[in-house]
């Protein structure tokens, strides 16, 4: 059986606490912090993009351009991305779009409506991802 995504992530990042036994994460565990998420994402994106695969690089560029302002503003597009990520149950995507929505000035009330839409569209299976989205939002709200 192939290792879980987060097991692979943890092996790649060699993340271990400074004291105590090794930490074992479940397949549904989140990175410990937003800063760890950002560091891992940045490092892996650099490795992926520097591999030089034209198709992958073009897709990454398309993904970036999709969120640029047009008929819809960036904030609205990020909100749509967050709803889609909840429904698709992609925790990395949820974290990324929570961060981006927060950077775009999304209010707590707007986040709760975004979460409501994702829950209604995706159903109860979205609840664990909604919990993690709320945990990320709490982390951002408590940041200095």
Protein backbone atom coordinates (compact mmCIF):
# COMPACT_ATOMS: atom_id res chain seq x y z
CA UNK A 1 0.00 0.00 0.00
CA UNK A 2 1.35 3.45 -0.91
CA UNK A 3 2.20 5.78 1.96
CA UNK A 4 -0.32 8.51 2.75
CA UNK A 5 0.20 12.02 1.42
CA UNK A 6 1.11 13.48 4.83
CA UNK A 7 3.42 10.54 5.59
CA UNK A 8 5.29 11.40 2.40
CA UNK A 9 5.25 15.10 3.26
CA UNK A 10 6.68 14.39 6.69
CA UNK A 11 9.42 12.20 5.23
CA UNK A 12 10.34 14.91 2.72
CA UNK A 13 10.41 17.69 5.27
CA UNK A 14 12.14 15.62 7.99
CA UNK A 15 9.88 17.33 10.51
CA UNK A 16 10.45 16.02 14.00
CA UNK A 17 9.94 17.76 17.32
CA UNK A 18 13.09 18.75 19.17
CA UNK A 19 12.36 16.35 22.02
CA UNK A 20 10.35 13.18 22.55
CA UNK A 21 9.47 10.25 20.32
CA UNK A 22 8.80 10.67 16.59
CA UNK A 23 5.37 12.05 15.77
CA UNK A 24 3.09 9.89 13.66
CA UNK A 25 0.41 11.76 11.78
CA UNK A 26 -2.77 10.31 10.45
CA UNK A 27 -3.61 10.71 6.78
CA UNK A 28 -5.92 13.56 7.82
CA UNK A 29 -3.49 15.53 9.99
CA UNK A 30 -2.73 19.12 9.10
CA UNK A 31 0.72 20.67 9.09
CA UNK A 32 1.35 22.14 12.53
CA UNK A 33 1.15 25.77 11.47
CA UNK A 34 0.46 28.12 8.62
CA UNK A 35 4.16 28.93 8.46
CA UNK A 36 5.01 25.21 8.03
CA UNK A 37 2.36 24.92 5.33
CA UNK A 38 3.76 27.95 3.49
CA UNK A 39 7.36 26.77 3.81
CA UNK A 40 6.56 23.29 2.51
CA UNK A 41 4.39 24.64 -0.32
CA UNK A 42 7.05 27.13 -1.40
CA UNK A 43 9.87 24.58 -1.28
CA UNK A 44 7.96 21.95 -3.20
CA UNK A 45 6.67 24.44 -5.78
CA UNK A 46 10.28 25.49 -6.44
CA UNK A 47 11.32 21.86 -6.92
CA UNK A 48 8.34 21.11 -9.19
CA UNK A 49 8.72 24.25 -11.34
CA UNK A 50 12.50 23.89 -11.62
CA UNK A 51 12.05 20.34 -12.93
CA UNK A 52 11.28 22.01 -16.25
CA UNK A 53 8.18 20.12 -17.36
CA UNK A 54 6.38 22.41 -19.81
CA UNK A 55 2.90 21.02 -19.12
CA UNK A 56 3.25 21.34 -15.34
CA UNK A 57 4.72 24.85 -15.60
CA UNK A 58 1.93 25.96 -17.93
CA UNK A 59 -0.72 24.56 -15.59
CA UNK A 60 0.81 26.37 -12.60
CA UNK A 61 0.82 29.61 -14.66
CA UNK A 62 -2.81 29.07 -15.69
CA UNK A 63 -3.80 28.46 -12.07
CA UNK A 64 -2.10 31.72 -11.06
CA UNK A 65 -3.69 33.74 -13.87
CA UNK A 66 -7.15 32.38 -13.14
CA UNK A 67 -7.22 34.29 -9.83
CA UNK A 68 -6.20 37.64 -11.34
CA UNK A 69 -8.96 40.28 -11.36
CA UNK A 70 -11.30 40.28 -14.33
CA UNK A 71 -15.10 40.41 -14.44
CA UNK A 72 -14.79 38.92 -10.95
CA UNK A 73 -12.33 40.36 -8.46
CA UNK A 74 -9.56 38.34 -6.86
CA UNK A 75 -11.39 38.18 -3.52
CA UNK A 76 -14.50 36.69 -5.14
CA UNK A 77 -12.40 34.18 -7.08
CA UNK A 78 -10.60 33.12 -3.89
CA UNK A 79 -13.97 32.66 -2.18
CA UNK A 80 -15.06 30.44 -5.07
CA UNK A 81 -11.79 28.53 -4.76
CA UNK A 82 -12.43 27.98 -1.05
CA UNK A 83 -15.96 26.64 -1.64
CA UNK A 84 -14.64 24.34 -4.37
CA UNK A 85 -11.80 23.14 -2.13
CA UNK A 86 -14.22 22.31 0.68
CA UNK A 87 -16.48 20.36 -1.68
CA UNK A 88 -13.49 18.53 -3.22
CA UNK A 89 -12.17 17.87 0.32
CA UNK A 90 -8.64 19.06 -0.40
CA UNK A 91 -7.13 20.24 2.89
CA UNK A 92 -4.06 21.82 1.28
CA UNK A 93 -6.37 23.70 -1.08
CA UNK A 94 -8.64 24.74 1.81
CA UNK A 95 -5.65 26.06 3.77
CA UNK A 96 -4.32 27.92 0.74
CA UNK A 97 -7.67 29.57 -0.03
CA UNK A 98 -8.34 30.43 3.64
CA UNK A 99 -4.97 32.21 3.65
CA UNK A 100 -5.66 33.96 0.34
CA UNK A 101 -9.18 34.99 1.37
CA UNK A 102 -7.79 36.33 4.64
CA UNK A 103 -5.16 38.31 2.70
CA UNK A 104 -7.91 39.69 0.45
CA UNK A 105 -9.80 41.02 3.48
CA UNK A 106 -12.54 38.41 3.80
CA UNK A 107 -14.47 39.04 7.02
CA UNK A 108 -15.39 36.38 9.55
CA UNK A 109 -19.03 36.69 8.51
CA UNK A 110 -18.05 36.16 4.87
CA UNK A 111 -15.96 33.11 5.84
CA UNK A 112 -18.96 31.61 7.65
CA UNK A 113 -21.15 32.11 4.58
CA UNK A 114 -18.45 30.56 2.36
CA UNK A 115 -18.29 27.59 4.75
CA UNK A 116 -22.11 27.35 4.66
CA UNK A 117 -22.18 27.19 0.86
CA UNK A 118 -19.45 24.54 0.83
CA UNK A 119 -21.33 22.49 3.41
CA UNK A 120 -24.66 22.70 1.58
CA UNK A 121 -23.11 21.85 -1.80
CA UNK A 122 -20.81 19.11 -0.48
CA UNK A 123 -22.92 17.64 2.31
CA UNK A 124 -21.91 16.33 5.72
CA UNK A 125 -18.71 14.75 4.38
CA UNK A 126 -17.36 18.34 4.22
CA UNK A 127 -17.60 18.76 8.02
CA UNK A 128 -14.05 17.49 8.85
CA UNK A 129 -12.64 19.90 6.24
CA UNK A 130 -14.81 22.69 7.59
CA UNK A 131 -13.30 22.03 11.03
CA UNK A 132 -9.78 22.32 9.62
CA UNK A 133 -10.73 25.48 7.70
CA UNK A 134 -12.06 27.01 10.91
CA UNK A 135 -8.89 25.96 12.77
CA UNK A 136 -6.77 27.75 10.15
CA UNK A 137 -8.96 30.83 10.41
CA UNK A 138 -8.61 30.78 14.19
CA UNK A 139 -4.83 30.53 13.82
CA UNK A 140 -4.81 33.55 11.48
CA UNK A 141 -7.07 35.56 13.77
CA UNK A 142 -4.76 34.89 16.73
CA UNK A 143 -1.58 35.77 14.81
CA UNK A 144 0.10 39.02 15.90
